[in-house]
Amino acid sequence: MRARDKAAVSALRTALAAVDNAEAVPVDEAATRGRALEHSPVGAGATEAARRELTESDVVAVVRAEAAERLAAAAGLTEPAHADRVARLRAEAMVLLQLLDGAPKDG
């Protein structure tokens, strides 16, 4: 049971981070270079940018990509010494897929 909880926590944390990254707005490097100091924005929030608002389907796509990434990594680990890592990656992928599909989880 504890191993499953660790897999769930790890999968959910990284999925939340992936969604957070997907909401980030890319910084235009050309706009930030070559400015004179006196023309720089000043004050609290001066460098803040509005984040993207993802649709539900965008979030689902990000989480599915996270699950697919784990399954692909597990498939690439063929050595018997990696059996624990493969099991953990698959468990994390299943947590994410069950979350998306609404499948009942085992006790």
N, C-alpha and C. Protein backbone atom coordinates (compact mmCIF):
# COMPACT_ATOMS: atom_id res chain seq x y z
N MET A 1 0.82 -1.19 0.00
CA MET A 1 0.00 0.00 0.00
C MET A 1 0.87 1.26 0.00
N ARG A 2 1.92 1.27 0.82
CA ARG A 2 2.78 2.45 0.89
C ARG A 2 3.47 2.71 -0.43
N ALA A 3 3.93 1.65 -1.12
CA ALA A 3 4.60 1.82 -2.40
C ALA A 3 3.64 2.46 -3.41
N ARG A 4 2.39 2.06 -3.36
CA ARG A 4 1.41 2.64 -4.27
C ARG A 4 1.20 4.13 -3.95
N ASP A 5 1.18 4.47 -2.66
CA ASP A 5 1.02 5.87 -2.28
C ASP A 5 2.20 6.70 -2.77
N LYS A 6 3.41 6.16 -2.67
CA LYS A 6 4.59 6.88 -3.16
C LYS A 6 4.50 7.09 -4.66
N ALA A 7 4.05 6.08 -5.38
CA ALA A 7 3.90 6.19 -6.83
C ALA A 7 2.85 7.25 -7.16
N ALA A 8 1.75 7.25 -6.43
CA ALA A 8 0.69 8.23 -6.68
C ALA A 8 1.18 9.64 -6.39
N VAL A 9 1.87 9.82 -5.27
CA VAL A 9 2.37 11.16 -4.91
C VAL A 9 3.36 11.64 -5.95
N SER A 10 4.28 10.78 -6.35
CA SER A 10 5.28 11.16 -7.34
C SER A 10 4.63 11.51 -8.67
N ALA A 11 3.70 10.68 -9.12
CA ALA A 11 3.03 10.91 -10.40
C ALA A 11 2.23 12.20 -10.37
N LEU A 12 1.50 12.43 -9.30
CA LEU A 12 0.67 13.64 -9.22
C LEU A 12 1.52 14.90 -9.12
N ARG A 13 2.61 14.84 -8.37
CA ARG A 13 3.49 16.02 -8.26
C ARG A 13 4.07 16.39 -9.62
N THR A 14 4.58 15.41 -10.34
CA THR A 14 5.19 15.72 -11.63
C THR A 14 4.14 16.13 -12.66
N ALA A 15 2.94 15.56 -12.57
CA ALA A 15 1.88 15.96 -13.49
C ALA A 15 1.46 17.40 -13.22
N LEU A 16 1.35 17.78 -11.95
CA LEU A 16 1.02 19.16 -11.61
C LEU A 16 2.11 20.12 -12.10
N ALA A 17 3.36 19.71 -11.96
CA ALA A 17 4.46 20.55 -12.44
C ALA A 17 4.41 20.69 -13.97
N ALA A 18 4.06 19.60 -14.66
CA ALA A 18 3.96 19.65 -16.12
C ALA A 18 2.84 20.59 -16.55
N VAL A 19 1.71 20.55 -15.85
CA VAL A 19 0.60 21.46 -16.15
C VAL A 19 1.04 22.90 -15.88
N ASP A 20 1.72 23.11 -14.77
CA ASP A 20 2.21 24.44 -14.44
C ASP A 20 3.16 24.95 -15.52
N ASN A 21 4.05 24.10 -16.00
CA ASN A 21 4.97 24.48 -17.07
C ASN A 21 4.23 24.79 -18.36
N ALA A 22 3.17 24.03 -18.64
CA ALA A 22 2.39 24.26 -19.86
C ALA A 22 1.67 25.61 -19.81
N GLU A 23 1.39 26.09 -18.62
CA GLU A 23 0.72 27.39 -18.47
C GLU A 23 1.69 28.56 -18.61
N ALA A 24 2.97 28.29 -18.54
CA ALA A 24 3.97 29.35 -18.59
C ALA A 24 4.00 29.98 -19.98
N VAL A 25 4.28 31.25 -20.02
CA VAL A 25 4.38 31.99 -21.27
C VAL A 25 5.85 32.11 -21.62
N PRO A 26 6.23 31.77 -22.85
CA PRO A 26 7.65 31.89 -23.21
C PRO A 26 8.11 33.35 -23.15
N VAL A 27 9.32 33.53 -22.71
CA VAL A 27 9.90 34.87 -22.62
C VAL A 27 10.54 35.21 -23.94
N ASP A 28 10.24 36.37 -24.45
CA ASP A 28 10.85 36.84 -25.69
C ASP A 28 12.21 37.45 -25.35
N GLU A 29 13.27 36.71 -25.65
CA GLU A 29 14.61 37.18 -25.29
C GLU A 29 14.98 38.48 -25.97
N ALA A 30 14.52 38.69 -27.20
CA ALA A 30 14.86 39.91 -27.92
C ALA A 30 14.29 41.13 -27.21
N ALA A 31 13.15 40.97 -26.60
CA ALA A 31 12.51 42.10 -25.91
C ALA A 31 13.22 42.44 -24.60
N THR A 32 13.90 41.45 -24.02
CA THR A 32 14.55 41.69 -22.73
C THR A 32 16.01 42.10 -22.86
N ARG A 33 16.58 42.02 -24.03
CA ARG A 33 17.99 42.38 -24.22
C ARG A 33 18.11 43.80 -24.75
N GLY A 34 19.21 44.41 -24.43
CA GLY A 34 19.56 45.70 -25.01
C GLY A 34 18.78 46.88 -24.46
N ARG A 35 18.10 46.70 -23.36
CA ARG A 35 17.38 47.83 -22.77
C ARG A 35 18.32 48.64 -21.89
N ALA A 36 18.11 49.91 -21.90
CA ALA A 36 18.84 50.77 -20.97
C ALA A 36 18.24 50.59 -19.60
N LEU A 37 19.06 50.68 -18.59
CA LEU A 37 18.60 50.48 -17.22
C LEU A 37 17.46 51.42 -16.86
N GLU A 38 17.53 52.64 -17.34
CA GLU A 38 16.48 53.60 -16.98
C GLU A 38 15.13 53.29 -17.64
N HIS A 39 15.13 52.42 -18.64
CA HIS A 39 13.87 52.03 -19.29
C HIS A 39 13.34 50.69 -18.78
N SER A 40 14.01 50.12 -17.80
CA SER A 40 13.60 48.84 -17.24
C SER A 40 12.37 49.02 -16.37
N PRO A 41 11.45 48.05 -16.39
CA PRO A 41 10.30 48.14 -15.50
C PRO A 41 10.73 48.04 -14.04
N VAL A 42 10.05 48.74 -13.17
CA VAL A 42 10.42 48.80 -11.77
C VAL A 42 9.19 48.55 -10.92
N GLY A 43 9.40 47.90 -9.79
CA GLY A 43 8.31 47.73 -8.83
C GLY A 43 7.82 46.31 -8.76
N ALA A 44 6.99 46.08 -7.75
CA ALA A 44 6.44 44.74 -7.54
C ALA A 44 5.58 44.34 -8.73
N GLY A 45 5.83 43.17 -9.25
CA GLY A 45 5.03 42.65 -10.36
C GLY A 45 5.43 43.19 -11.72
N ALA A 46 6.48 43.97 -11.80
CA ALA A 46 6.88 44.58 -13.07
C ALA A 46 7.32 43.54 -14.09
N THR A 47 7.81 42.42 -13.61
CA THR A 47 8.28 41.39 -14.54
C THR A 47 7.30 40.24 -14.66
N GLU A 48 6.13 40.38 -14.10
CA GLU A 48 5.13 39.32 -14.16
C GLU A 48 4.46 39.31 -15.53
N ALA A 49 4.14 38.12 -16.00
CA ALA A 49 3.41 37.95 -17.25
C ALA A 49 2.19 37.11 -16.97
N ALA A 50 1.12 37.42 -17.64
CA ALA A 50 -0.09 36.62 -17.48
C ALA A 50 0.18 35.20 -17.97
N ARG A 51 -0.32 34.23 -17.24
CA ARG A 51 -0.12 32.83 -17.62
C ARG A 51 -1.21 32.41 -18.58
N ARG A 52 -0.92 31.40 -19.36
CA ARG A 52 -1.93 30.84 -20.26
C ARG A 52 -3.00 30.14 -19.45
N GLU A 53 -4.19 30.18 -19.94
CA GLU A 53 -5.27 29.40 -19.33
C GLU A 53 -5.50 28.17 -20.20
N LEU A 54 -5.20 27.02 -19.64
CA LEU A 54 -5.37 25.77 -20.38
C LEU A 54 -6.81 25.32 -20.31
N THR A 55 -7.28 24.73 -21.41
CA THR A 55 -8.60 24.13 -21.40
C THR A 55 -8.50 22.77 -20.72
N GLU A 56 -9.63 22.20 -20.43
CA GLU A 56 -9.63 20.87 -19.82
C GLU A 56 -8.95 19.86 -20.74
N SER A 57 -9.19 19.97 -22.04
CA SER A 57 -8.55 19.02 -22.97
C SER A 57 -7.04 19.23 -23.02
N ASP A 58 -6.58 20.47 -22.83
CA ASP A 58 -5.14 20.73 -22.77
C ASP A 58 -4.52 20.04 -21.56
N VAL A 59 -5.18 20.16 -20.43
CA VAL A 59 -4.68 19.53 -19.19
C VAL A 59 -4.67 18.01 -19.36
N VAL A 60 -5.73 17.47 -19.93
CA VAL A 60 -5.79 16.01 -20.15
C VAL A 60 -4.65 15.58 -21.06
N ALA A 61 -4.37 16.35 -22.10
CA ALA A 61 -3.28 16.01 -23.02
C ALA A 61 -1.94 16.02 -22.31
N VAL A 62 -1.72 17.00 -21.43
CA VAL A 62 -0.46 17.07 -20.69
C VAL A 62 -0.31 15.86 -19.77
N VAL A 63 -1.38 15.51 -19.07
CA VAL A 63 -1.32 14.37 -18.14
C VAL A 63 -1.15 13.06 -18.90
N ARG A 64 -1.84 12.92 -20.03
CA ARG A 64 -1.66 11.71 -20.85
C ARG A 64 -0.23 11.61 -21.37
N ALA A 65 0.35 12.73 -21.73
CA ALA A 65 1.74 12.73 -22.20
C ALA A 65 2.68 12.31 -21.08
N GLU A 66 2.39 12.75 -19.86
CA GLU A 66 3.20 12.32 -18.70
C GLU A 66 3.11 10.81 -18.52
N ALA A 67 1.91 10.26 -18.63
CA ALA A 67 1.72 8.81 -18.49
C ALA A 67 2.45 8.07 -19.61
N ALA A 68 2.31 8.56 -20.83
CA ALA A 68 2.97 7.93 -21.97
C ALA A 68 4.49 7.97 -21.83
N GLU A 69 4.99 9.07 -21.30
CA GLU A 69 6.43 9.20 -21.09
C GLU A 69 6.93 8.13 -20.11
N ARG A 70 6.17 7.89 -19.05
CA ARG A 70 6.55 6.87 -18.07
C ARG A 70 6.50 5.48 -18.68
N LEU A 71 5.47 5.20 -19.46
CA LEU A 71 5.36 3.88 -20.08
C LEU A 71 6.48 3.65 -21.09
N ALA A 72 6.84 4.69 -21.83
CA ALA A 72 7.94 4.57 -22.79
C ALA A 72 9.27 4.34 -22.07
N ALA A 73 9.47 5.05 -20.97
CA ALA A 73 10.70 4.86 -20.20
C ALA A 73 10.75 3.44 -19.63
N ALA A 74 9.61 2.95 -19.15
CA ALA A 74 9.57 1.58 -18.61
C ALA A 74 9.86 0.56 -19.69
N ALA A 75 9.34 0.79 -20.89
CA ALA A 75 9.59 -0.14 -21.99
C ALA A 75 11.05 -0.15 -22.40
N GLY A 76 11.73 0.96 -22.21
CA GLY A 76 13.14 1.05 -22.58
C GLY A 76 14.09 0.41 -21.58
N LEU A 77 13.60 0.14 -20.38
CA LEU A 77 14.45 -0.49 -19.36
C LEU A 77 14.23 -2.00 -19.40
N THR A 78 15.14 -2.69 -20.05
CA THR A 78 14.97 -4.13 -20.25
C THR A 78 15.82 -4.99 -19.33
N GLU A 79 16.79 -4.40 -18.67
CA GLU A 79 17.67 -5.17 -17.79
C GLU A 79 16.91 -5.59 -16.53
N PRO A 80 17.13 -6.83 -16.06
CA PRO A 80 16.47 -7.27 -14.83
C PRO A 80 16.79 -6.40 -13.62
N ALA A 81 17.94 -5.75 -13.63
CA ALA A 81 18.31 -4.89 -12.51
C ALA A 81 17.39 -3.67 -12.39
N HIS A 82 16.67 -3.35 -13.45
CA HIS A 82 15.78 -2.19 -13.46
C HIS A 82 14.32 -2.56 -13.16
N ALA A 83 14.08 -3.76 -12.70
CA ALA A 83 12.70 -4.23 -12.49
C ALA A 83 11.93 -3.33 -11.52
N ASP A 84 12.58 -2.88 -10.46
CA ASP A 84 11.89 -2.00 -9.50
C ASP A 84 11.53 -0.67 -10.14
N ARG A 85 12.44 -0.12 -10.90
CA ARG A 85 12.19 1.16 -11.59
C ARG A 85 11.06 1.01 -12.60
N VAL A 86 11.05 -0.09 -13.35
CA VAL A 86 9.99 -0.35 -14.33
C VAL A 86 8.64 -0.44 -13.63
N ALA A 87 8.59 -1.16 -12.53
CA ALA A 87 7.33 -1.30 -11.78
C ALA A 87 6.85 0.05 -11.27
N ARG A 88 7.79 0.88 -10.79
CA ARG A 88 7.40 2.20 -10.28
C ARG A 88 6.89 3.10 -11.41
N LEU A 89 7.57 3.08 -12.56
CA LEU A 89 7.12 3.90 -13.69
C LEU A 89 5.74 3.48 -14.17
N ARG A 90 5.53 2.17 -14.25
CA ARG A 90 4.20 1.68 -14.68
C ARG A 90 3.12 2.02 -13.66
N ALA A 91 3.44 1.91 -12.38
CA ALA A 91 2.47 2.26 -11.34
C ALA A 91 2.11 3.74 -11.43
N GLU A 92 3.10 4.60 -11.65
CA GLU A 92 2.83 6.03 -11.78
C GLU A 92 1.96 6.31 -13.01
N ALA A 93 2.26 5.64 -14.11
CA ALA A 93 1.46 5.83 -15.33
C ALA A 93 0.02 5.39 -15.09
N MET A 94 -0.17 4.28 -14.39
CA MET A 94 -1.52 3.80 -14.13
C MET A 94 -2.29 4.76 -13.23
N VAL A 95 -1.62 5.36 -12.26
CA VAL A 95 -2.27 6.35 -11.39
C VAL A 95 -2.81 7.50 -12.25
N LEU A 96 -1.97 8.00 -13.15
CA LEU A 96 -2.39 9.12 -14.00
C LEU A 96 -3.53 8.72 -14.94
N LEU A 97 -3.42 7.56 -15.54
CA LEU A 97 -4.46 7.12 -16.47
C LEU A 97 -5.77 6.85 -15.75
N GLN A 98 -5.70 6.27 -14.56
CA GLN A 98 -6.92 6.04 -13.78
C GLN A 98 -7.57 7.36 -13.37
N LEU A 99 -6.74 8.33 -13.06
CA LEU A 99 -7.25 9.66 -12.71
C LEU A 99 -8.03 10.25 -13.88
N LEU A 100 -7.47 10.12 -15.07
CA LEU A 100 -8.12 10.68 -16.26
C LEU A 100 -9.36 9.89 -16.67
N ASP A 101 -9.27 8.59 -16.57
CA ASP A 101 -10.37 7.75 -17.04
C ASP A 101 -11.45 7.53 -15.99
N GLY A 102 -11.17 7.95 -14.76
CA GLY A 102 -12.16 7.78 -13.71
C GLY A 102 -12.37 6.33 -13.30
N ALA A 103 -11.38 5.48 -13.58
CA ALA A 103 -11.50 4.07 -13.20
C ALA A 103 -11.39 3.94 -11.70
N PRO A 104 -12.12 3.01 -11.11
CA PRO A 104 -12.00 2.81 -9.67
C PRO A 104 -10.59 2.33 -9.32
N LYS A 105 -10.08 2.83 -8.23
CA LYS A 105 -8.73 2.46 -7.79
C LYS A 105 -8.82 1.32 -6.79
N ASP A 106 -7.81 0.47 -6.82
CA ASP A 106 -7.74 -0.64 -5.86
C ASP A 106 -7.45 -0.08 -4.48
N GLY A 107 -8.14 -0.60 -3.45
CA GLY A 107 -8.04 -0.19 -2.08
C GLY A 107 -6.76 0.26 -1.63
